[in-house]
Amino acid sequence: MDKRWVTIFLALSLSACGSETVRQSAFDIEQRRQIQQENAAKEARVRQEQDQLERTREQQRKREEATKRAAQSGVPMIRPLEANRLKEQLLANPEDTQEHPGALLAERTIYYEYDAYNVKEEYRGVIETHAKFLQAHRDLKLRVEGNCDERGSREYNLALGQRRADSVKRALTLLGVPASQIETVSFGSEKPKATNHDEQAYADNRRSDLMYSGPKSASQ
């Protein structure tokens, strides 16, 4: 073979190898860019969850400090009103009894489906009864406590429990209850109602508890 053709052949081979190297390098750069974007998104989600957890802890810490200060200063402590007492107050009005059976007021728990926080239609009567009672007793306050089953991370359960408590508050405020009359808090999976590790226990722990206290003046 002519030496000139050998030289041309070698030049073309080297050129092809160089092009392949350039393509491979561009592919590696794009892969690294995608990985960096995914890592940045994950870090942002983690930071958001940590911020939410810190806010929840700070709110709980402030409530605990307020309770301690009240106890030290001799201010009467807020005591939850008994369900029967609340039921008796509602039953005192016959019209209320006809429209909203007093038994509904004794129902203090809203249950949820797995990984959900919307208030189901079956609790409409319960929500309406409590809304009516709160509007008639503005000196009372309601604390809605959101809870989860043990599945999921601590941070996720705290956030889900807060959404569950907030969903009850939103339903009540839409019915005319002042937002200032309702407090929400999340316990995540740290306050289980059932301690077993089966589906029934999980269902019992996916809930929001309605806790009454009052009157307002006792907490100020």
C-alpha atoms as a PDB file:
ATOM      1  CA  MET A   1       0.000   0.000   0.000  1.00  0.00           C
ATOM      2  CA  ASP A   2       1.215   3.457  -0.881  1.00  0.00           C
ATOM      3  CA  LYS A   3       2.673   5.288   2.112  1.00  0.00           C
ATOM      4  CA  ARG A   4       0.443   8.243   1.384  1.00  0.00           C
ATOM      5  CA  TRP A   5      -2.705   6.134   1.782  1.00  0.00           C
ATOM      6  CA  VAL A   6      -1.354   4.646   5.009  1.00  0.00           C
ATOM      7  CA  THR A   7      -0.877   8.164   6.378  1.00  0.00           C
ATOM      8  CA  ILE A   8      -4.433   9.195   5.378  1.00  0.00           C
ATOM      9  CA  PHE A   9      -5.871   6.050   6.948  1.00  0.00           C
ATOM     10  CA  LEU A  10      -4.083   6.691  10.233  1.00  0.00           C
ATOM     11  CA  ALA A  11      -5.251  10.325  10.298  1.00  0.00           C
ATOM     12  CA  LEU A  12      -8.861   9.331   9.756  1.00  0.00           C
ATOM     13  CA  SER A  13      -8.659   6.713  12.517  1.00  0.00           C
ATOM     14  CA  LEU A  14      -7.259   9.209  14.985  1.00  0.00           C
ATOM     15  CA  SER A  15      -9.940  11.718  14.035  1.00  0.00           C
ATOM     16  CA  ALA A  16     -12.699   9.164  14.643  1.00  0.00           C
ATOM     17  CA  CYS A  17     -11.261   8.281  18.048  1.00  0.00           C
ATOM     18  CA  GLY A  18     -11.121  11.959  18.942  1.00  0.00           C
ATOM     19  CA  SER A  19     -14.770  12.471  18.004  1.00  0.00           C
ATOM     20  CA  GLU A  20     -15.830   9.486  20.094  1.00  0.00           C
ATOM     21  CA  THR A  21     -13.867  10.858  23.065  1.00  0.00           C
ATOM     22  CA  VAL A  22     -15.596  14.222  22.725  1.00  0.00           C
ATOM     23  CA  ARG A  23     -19.027  12.562  22.604  1.00  0.00           C
ATOM     24  CA  GLN A  24     -18.236  10.420  25.652  1.00  0.00           C
ATOM     25  CA  SER A  25     -17.003  13.473  27.550  1.00  0.00           C
ATOM     26  CA  ALA A  26     -20.197  15.416  26.779  1.00  0.00           C
ATOM     27  CA  PHE A  27     -22.281  12.442  27.930  1.00  0.00           C
ATOM     28  CA  ASP A  28     -20.364  12.259  31.233  1.00  0.00           C
ATOM     29  CA  ILE A  29     -20.865  15.985  31.834  1.00  0.00           C
ATOM     30  CA  GLU A  30     -24.632  15.698  31.269  1.00  0.00           C
ATOM     31  CA  GLN A  31     -24.844  12.733  33.650  1.00  0.00           C
ATOM     32  CA  ARG A  32     -22.962  14.635  36.345  1.00  0.00           C
ATOM     33  CA  ARG A  33     -25.252  17.638  35.859  1.00  0.00           C
ATOM     34  CA  GLN A  34     -28.383  15.513  36.309  1.00  0.00           C
ATOM     35  CA  ILE A  35     -26.959  13.853  39.428  1.00  0.00           C
ATOM     36  CA  GLN A  36     -26.099  17.246  40.898  1.00  0.00           C
ATOM     37  CA  GLN A  37     -29.635  18.510  40.234  1.00  0.00           C
ATOM     38  CA  GLU A  38     -31.179  15.419  41.884  1.00  0.00           C
ATOM     39  CA  ASN A  39     -28.899  15.783  44.916  1.00  0.00           C
ATOM     40  CA  ALA A  40     -29.774  19.479  45.228  1.00  0.00           C
ATOM     41  CA  ALA A  41     -33.508  18.669  45.122  1.00  0.00           C
ATOM     42  CA  LYS A  42     -33.086  15.994  47.803  1.00  0.00           C
ATOM     43  CA  GLU A  43     -31.128  18.366  50.024  1.00  0.00           C
ATOM     44  CA  ALA A  44     -33.848  21.013  49.617  1.00  0.00           C
ATOM     45  CA  ARG A  45     -36.552  18.530  50.673  1.00  0.00           C
ATOM     46  CA  VAL A  46     -34.523  17.452  53.700  1.00  0.00           C
ATOM     47  CA  ARG A  47     -33.982  21.082  54.729  1.00  0.00           C
ATOM     48  CA  GLN A  48     -37.705  21.790  54.359  1.00  0.00           C
ATOM     49  CA  GLU A  49     -38.615  18.803  56.556  1.00  0.00           C
ATOM     50  CA  GLN A  50     -36.022  19.846  59.142  1.00  0.00           C
ATOM     51  CA  ASP A  51     -37.370  23.417  59.185  1.00  0.00           C
ATOM     52  CA  GLN A  52     -40.924  22.115  59.694  1.00  0.00           C
ATOM     53  CA  LEU A  53     -39.740  19.889  62.535  1.00  0.00           C
ATOM     54  CA  GLU A  54     -37.917  22.767  64.203  1.00  0.00           C
ATOM     55  CA  ARG A  55     -40.999  24.985  63.957  1.00  0.00           C
ATOM     56  CA  THR A  56     -43.138  22.256  65.513  1.00  0.00           C
ATOM     57  CA  ARG A  57     -40.644  21.725  68.328  1.00  0.00           C
ATOM     58  CA  GLU A  58     -40.436  25.461  68.950  1.00  0.00           C
ATOM     59  CA  GLN A  59     -44.230  25.737  69.185  1.00  0.00           C
ATOM     60  CA  GLN A  60     -44.366  22.841  71.647  1.00  0.00           C
ATOM     61  CA  ARG A  61     -41.525  24.356  73.691  1.00  0.00           C
ATOM     62  CA  LYS A  62     -43.345  27.705  73.941  1.00  0.00           C
ATOM     63  CA  ARG A  63     -46.540  25.991  75.065  1.00  0.00           C
ATOM     64  CA  GLU A  64     -44.645  24.052  77.731  1.00  0.00           C
ATOM     65  CA  GLU A  65     -42.947  27.218  78.977  1.00  0.00           C
ATOM     66  CA  ALA A  66     -46.281  29.058  79.113  1.00  0.00           C
ATOM     67  CA  THR A  67     -47.782  26.218  81.146  1.00  0.00           C
ATOM     68  CA  LYS A  68     -44.874  26.289  83.586  1.00  0.00           C
ATOM     69  CA  ARG A  69     -45.092  30.063  83.996  1.00  0.00           C
ATOM     70  CA  ALA A  70     -48.825  29.823  84.630  1.00  0.00           C
ATOM     71  CA  ALA A  71     -48.275  27.157  87.284  1.00  0.00           C
ATOM     72  CA  GLN A  72     -45.537  29.179  88.996  1.00  0.00           C
ATOM     73  CA  SER A  73     -47.596  32.379  89.027  1.00  0.00           C
ATOM     74  CA  GLY A  74     -50.618  30.692  90.532  1.00  0.00           C
ATOM     75  CA  VAL A  75     -52.841  31.171  87.461  1.00  0.00           C
ATOM     76  CA  PRO A  76     -55.558  28.479  87.398  1.00  0.00           C
ATOM     77  CA  MET A  77     -54.630  25.654  85.058  1.00  0.00           C
ATOM     78  CA  ILE A  78     -56.886  24.874  82.098  1.00  0.00           C
ATOM     79  CA  ARG A  79     -58.764  21.667  82.711  1.00  0.00           C
ATOM     80  CA  PRO A  80     -60.461  19.755  79.879  1.00  0.00           C
ATOM     81  CA  LEU A  81     -64.221  19.721  80.209  1.00  0.00           C
ATOM     82  CA  GLU A  82     -65.794  16.300  80.462  1.00  0.00           C
ATOM     83  CA  ALA A  83     -67.679  15.022  77.411  1.00  0.00           C
ATOM     84  CA  ASN A  84     -70.813  14.427  79.473  1.00  0.00           C
ATOM     85  CA  ARG A  85     -70.751  18.015  80.732  1.00  0.00           C
ATOM     86  CA  LEU A  86     -70.534  19.340  77.186  1.00  0.00           C
ATOM     87  CA  LYS A  87     -73.330  17.028  76.120  1.00  0.00           C
ATOM     88  CA  GLU A  88     -75.549  18.289  78.954  1.00  0.00           C
ATOM     89  CA  GLN A  89     -74.974  21.896  77.926  1.00  0.00           C
ATOM     90  CA  LEU A  90     -76.023  21.178  74.361  1.00  0.00           C
ATOM     91  CA  LEU A  91     -79.042  19.106  75.404  1.00  0.00           C
ATOM     92  CA  ALA A  92     -80.272  22.037  77.498  1.00  0.00           C
ATOM     93  CA  ASN A  93     -81.586  23.510  74.247  1.00  0.00           C
ATOM     94  CA  PRO A  94     -84.331  21.273  72.739  1.00  0.00           C
ATOM     95  CA  GLU A  95     -83.906  22.836  69.289  1.00  0.00           C
ATOM     96  CA  ASP A  96     -80.253  21.860  69.254  1.00  0.00           C
ATOM     97  CA  THR A  97     -81.208  18.342  70.281  1.00  0.00           C
ATOM     98  CA  GLN A  98     -83.532  17.977  67.311  1.00  0.00           C
ATOM     99  CA  GLU A  99     -81.067  19.334  64.786  1.00  0.00           C
ATOM    100  CA  HIS A 100     -77.835  17.906  66.190  1.00  0.00           C
ATOM    101  CA  PRO A 101     -78.144  14.855  68.453  1.00  0.00           C
ATOM    102  CA  GLY A 102     -76.180  15.471  71.636  1.00  0.00           C
ATOM    103  CA  ALA A 103     -74.385  12.135  71.246  1.00  0.00           C
ATOM    104  CA  LEU A 104     -72.404  13.627  68.374  1.00  0.00           C
ATOM    105  CA  LEU A 105     -70.814  16.132  70.734  1.00  0.00           C
ATOM    106  CA  ALA A 106     -69.369  13.277  72.775  1.00  0.00           C
ATOM    107  CA  GLU A 107     -67.529  12.048  69.686  1.00  0.00           C
ATOM    108  CA  ARG A 108     -64.044  13.529  70.006  1.00  0.00           C
ATOM    109  CA  THR A 109     -62.040  11.631  67.397  1.00  0.00           C
ATOM    110  CA  ILE A 110     -61.817  11.947  63.620  1.00  0.00           C
ATOM    111  CA  TYR A 111     -60.234   8.968  61.852  1.00  0.00           C
ATOM    112  CA  TYR A 112     -58.447   8.975  58.478  1.00  0.00           C
ATOM    113  CA  GLU A 113     -57.502   6.640  55.682  1.00  0.00           C
ATOM    114  CA  TYR A 114     -53.871   5.614  55.266  1.00  0.00           C
ATOM    115  CA  ASP A 115     -51.613   8.552  54.351  1.00  0.00           C
ATOM    116  CA  ALA A 116     -54.658  10.888  54.076  1.00  0.00           C
ATOM    117  CA  TYR A 117     -55.702  13.996  55.967  1.00  0.00           C
ATOM    118  CA  ASN A 118     -59.064  14.982  54.481  1.00  0.00           C
ATOM    119  CA  VAL A 119     -62.085  14.843  56.810  1.00  0.00           C
ATOM    120  CA  LYS A 120     -64.396  12.122  55.530  1.00  0.00           C
ATOM    121  CA  GLU A 121     -68.075  12.776  54.809  1.00  0.00           C
ATOM    122  CA  GLU A 122     -69.133  10.422  57.605  1.00  0.00           C
ATOM    123  CA  TYR A 123     -67.845  12.972  60.153  1.00  0.00           C
ATOM    124  CA  ARG A 124     -69.857  15.858  58.763  1.00  0.00           C
ATOM    125  CA  GLY A 125     -72.435  15.663  61.562  1.00  0.00           C
ATOM    126  CA  VAL A 126     -69.718  15.563  64.224  1.00  0.00           C
ATOM    127  CA  ILE A 127     -67.967  18.616  62.772  1.00  0.00           C
ATOM    128  CA  GLU A 128     -71.225  20.556  62.455  1.00  0.00           C
ATOM    129  CA  THR A 129     -72.202  19.759  66.048  1.00  0.00           C
ATOM    130  CA  HIS A 130     -68.872  20.907  67.457  1.00  0.00           C
ATOM    131  CA  ALA A 131     -68.959  24.029  65.281  1.00  0.00           C
ATOM    132  CA  LYS A 132     -72.386  24.924  66.608  1.00  0.00           C
ATOM    133  CA  PHE A 133     -71.288  24.335  70.187  1.00  0.00           C
ATOM    134  CA  LEU A 134     -68.125  26.456  69.819  1.00  0.00           C
ATOM    135  CA  GLN A 135     -70.101  29.319  68.324  1.00  0.00           C
ATOM    136  CA  ALA A 136     -72.487  29.201  71.268  1.00  0.00           C
ATOM    137  CA  HIS A 137     -69.645  29.070  73.821  1.00  0.00           C
ATOM    138  CA  ARG A 138     -67.043  31.636  72.779  1.00  0.00           C
ATOM    139  CA  ASP A 139     -65.313  31.334  76.168  1.00  0.00           C
ATOM    140  CA  LEU A 140     -64.177  27.799  75.281  1.00  0.00           C
ATOM    141  CA  LYS A 141     -61.174  26.826  73.205  1.00  0.00           C
ATOM    142  CA  LEU A 142     -60.612  23.681  71.188  1.00  0.00           C
ATOM    143  CA  ARG A 143     -57.254  22.015  70.638  1.00  0.00           C
ATOM    144  CA  VAL A 144     -57.104  19.613  67.701  1.00  0.00           C
ATOM    145  CA  GLU A 145     -54.325  17.042  68.092  1.00  0.00           C
ATOM    146  CA  GLY A 146     -53.173  15.304  64.902  1.00  0.00           C
ATOM    147  CA  ASN A 147     -51.801  11.756  65.159  1.00  0.00           C
ATOM    148  CA  CYS A 148     -50.384   9.084  62.832  1.00  0.00           C
ATOM    149  CA  ASP A 149     -49.607   5.402  62.923  1.00  0.00           C
ATOM    150  CA  GLU A 150     -46.010   4.295  63.422  1.00  0.00           C
ATOM    151  CA  ARG A 151     -45.197   3.872  59.737  1.00  0.00           C
ATOM    152  CA  GLY A 152     -43.174   6.641  58.113  1.00  0.00           C
ATOM    153  CA  SER A 153     -40.322   8.783  59.399  1.00  0.00           C
ATOM    154  CA  ARG A 154     -40.711  10.948  62.492  1.00  0.00           C
ATOM    155  CA  GLU A 155     -40.508  14.115  60.424  1.00  0.00           C
ATOM    156  CA  TYR A 156     -43.070  12.907  57.889  1.00  0.00           C
ATOM    157  CA  ASN A 157     -45.520  11.834  60.602  1.00  0.00           C
ATOM    158  CA  LEU A 158     -45.243  15.181  62.378  1.00  0.00           C
ATOM    159  CA  ALA A 159     -46.046  16.980  59.132  1.00  0.00           C
ATOM    160  CA  LEU A 160     -48.937  14.602  58.319  1.00  0.00           C
ATOM    161  CA  GLY A 161     -50.352  14.925  61.838  1.00  0.00           C
ATOM    162  CA  GLN A 162     -50.278  18.704  61.493  1.00  0.00           C
ATOM    163  CA  ARG A 163     -52.145  18.532  58.183  1.00  0.00           C
ATOM    164  CA  ARG A 164     -54.790  16.326  59.808  1.00  0.00           C
ATOM    165  CA  ALA A 165     -55.283  18.754  62.689  1.00  0.00           C
ATOM    166  CA  ASP A 166     -55.378  21.697  60.281  1.00  0.00           C
ATOM    167  CA  SER A 167     -58.016  19.975  58.126  1.00  0.00           C
ATOM    168  CA  VAL A 168     -60.377  19.770  61.125  1.00  0.00           C
ATOM    169  CA  LYS A 169     -59.721  23.398  61.992  1.00  0.00           C
ATOM    170  CA  ARG A 170     -60.394  24.434  58.401  1.00  0.00           C
ATOM    171  CA  ALA A 171     -63.718  22.554  58.389  1.00  0.00           C
ATOM    172  CA  LEU A 172     -64.774  24.248  61.626  1.00  0.00           C
ATOM    173  CA  THR A 173     -63.777  27.739  60.497  1.00  0.00           C
ATOM    174  CA  LEU A 174     -65.703  27.260  57.244  1.00  0.00           C
ATOM    175  CA  LEU A 175     -68.756  26.693  59.447  1.00  0.00           C
ATOM    176  CA  GLY A 176     -68.205  30.003  61.221  1.00  0.00           C
ATOM    177  CA  VAL A 177     -65.974  29.163  64.203  1.00  0.00           C
ATOM    178  CA  PRO A 178     -63.337  31.885  64.791  1.00  0.00           C
ATOM    179  CA  ALA A 179     -59.845  30.625  63.985  1.00  0.00           C
ATOM    180  CA  SER A 180     -58.603  32.143  67.250  1.00  0.00           C
ATOM    181  CA  GLN A 181     -60.834  29.715  69.140  1.00  0.00           C
ATOM    182  CA  ILE A 182     -59.027  26.683  67.704  1.00  0.00           C
ATOM    183  CA  GLU A 183     -55.444  25.536  68.279  1.00  0.00           C
ATOM    184  CA  THR A 184     -53.765  22.756  66.314  1.00  0.00           C
ATOM    185  CA  VAL A 185     -50.812  20.579  67.245  1.00  0.00           C
ATOM    186  CA  SER A 186     -49.194  17.437  65.848  1.00  0.00           C
ATOM    187  CA  PHE A 187     -47.886  14.531  67.898  1.00  0.00           C
ATOM    188  CA  GLY A 188     -46.947  12.460  64.854  1.00  0.00           C
ATOM    189  CA  SER A 189     -46.753   8.818  65.960  1.00  0.00           C
ATOM    190  CA  GLU A 190     -45.597   9.690  69.490  1.00  0.00           C
ATOM    191  CA  LYS A 191     -49.043   9.484  71.155  1.00  0.00           C
ATOM    192  CA  PRO A 192     -50.525   6.160  70.001  1.00  0.00           C
ATOM    193  CA  LYS A 193     -54.017   5.151  71.031  1.00  0.00           C
ATOM    194  CA  ALA A 194     -53.290   1.501  70.227  1.00  0.00           C
ATOM    195  CA  THR A 195     -49.898  -0.100  70.872  1.00  0.00           C
ATOM    196  CA  ASN A 196     -50.219  -3.200  68.688  1.00  0.00           C
ATOM    197  CA  HIS A 197     -48.510  -3.476  65.321  1.00  0.00           C
ATOM    198  CA  ASP A 198     -51.366  -4.521  63.051  1.00  0.00           C
ATOM    199  CA  GLU A 199     -53.853  -2.902  60.679  1.00  0.00           C
ATOM    200  CA  GLN A 200     -56.466  -2.298  63.387  1.00  0.00           C
ATOM    201  CA  ALA A 201     -53.930  -0.507  65.573  1.00  0.00           C
ATOM    202  CA  TYR A 202     -52.747   1.558  62.615  1.00  0.00           C
ATOM    203  CA  ALA A 203     -56.358   2.562  61.888  1.00  0.00           C
ATOM    204  CA  ASP A 204     -56.929   3.543  65.541  1.00  0.00           C
ATOM    205  CA  ASN A 205     -53.824   5.754  65.524  1.00  0.00           C
ATOM    206  CA  ARG A 206     -54.638   7.624  62.298  1.00  0.00           C
ATOM    207  CA  ARG A 207     -56.741  10.287  63.984  1.00  0.00           C
ATOM    208  CA  SER A 208     -57.353  13.810  65.216  1.00  0.00           C
ATOM    209  CA  ASP A 209     -58.468  14.230  68.835  1.00  0.00           C
ATOM    210  CA  LEU A 210     -60.694  17.165  69.859  1.00  0.00           C
ATOM    211  CA  MET A 211     -59.727  18.499  73.292  1.00  0.00           C
ATOM    212  CA  TYR A 212     -61.772  21.241  74.926  1.00  0.00           C
ATOM    213  CA  SER A 213     -60.443  23.717  77.488  1.00  0.00           C
ATOM    214  CA  GLY A 214     -61.709  26.901  78.983  1.00  0.00           C
ATOM    215  CA  PRO A 215     -62.642  29.467  79.757  1.00  0.00           C
ATOM    216  CA  LYS A 216     -60.301  31.680  77.771  1.00  0.00           C
ATOM    217  CA  SER A 217     -59.648  33.951  80.734  1.00  0.00           C
ATOM    218  CA  ALA A 218     -58.006  31.088  82.624  1.00  0.00           C
ATOM    219  CA  SER A 219     -55.269  30.841  80.027  1.00  0.00           C
ATOM    220  CA  GLN A 220     -54.428  34.542  79.864  1.00  0.00           C
END
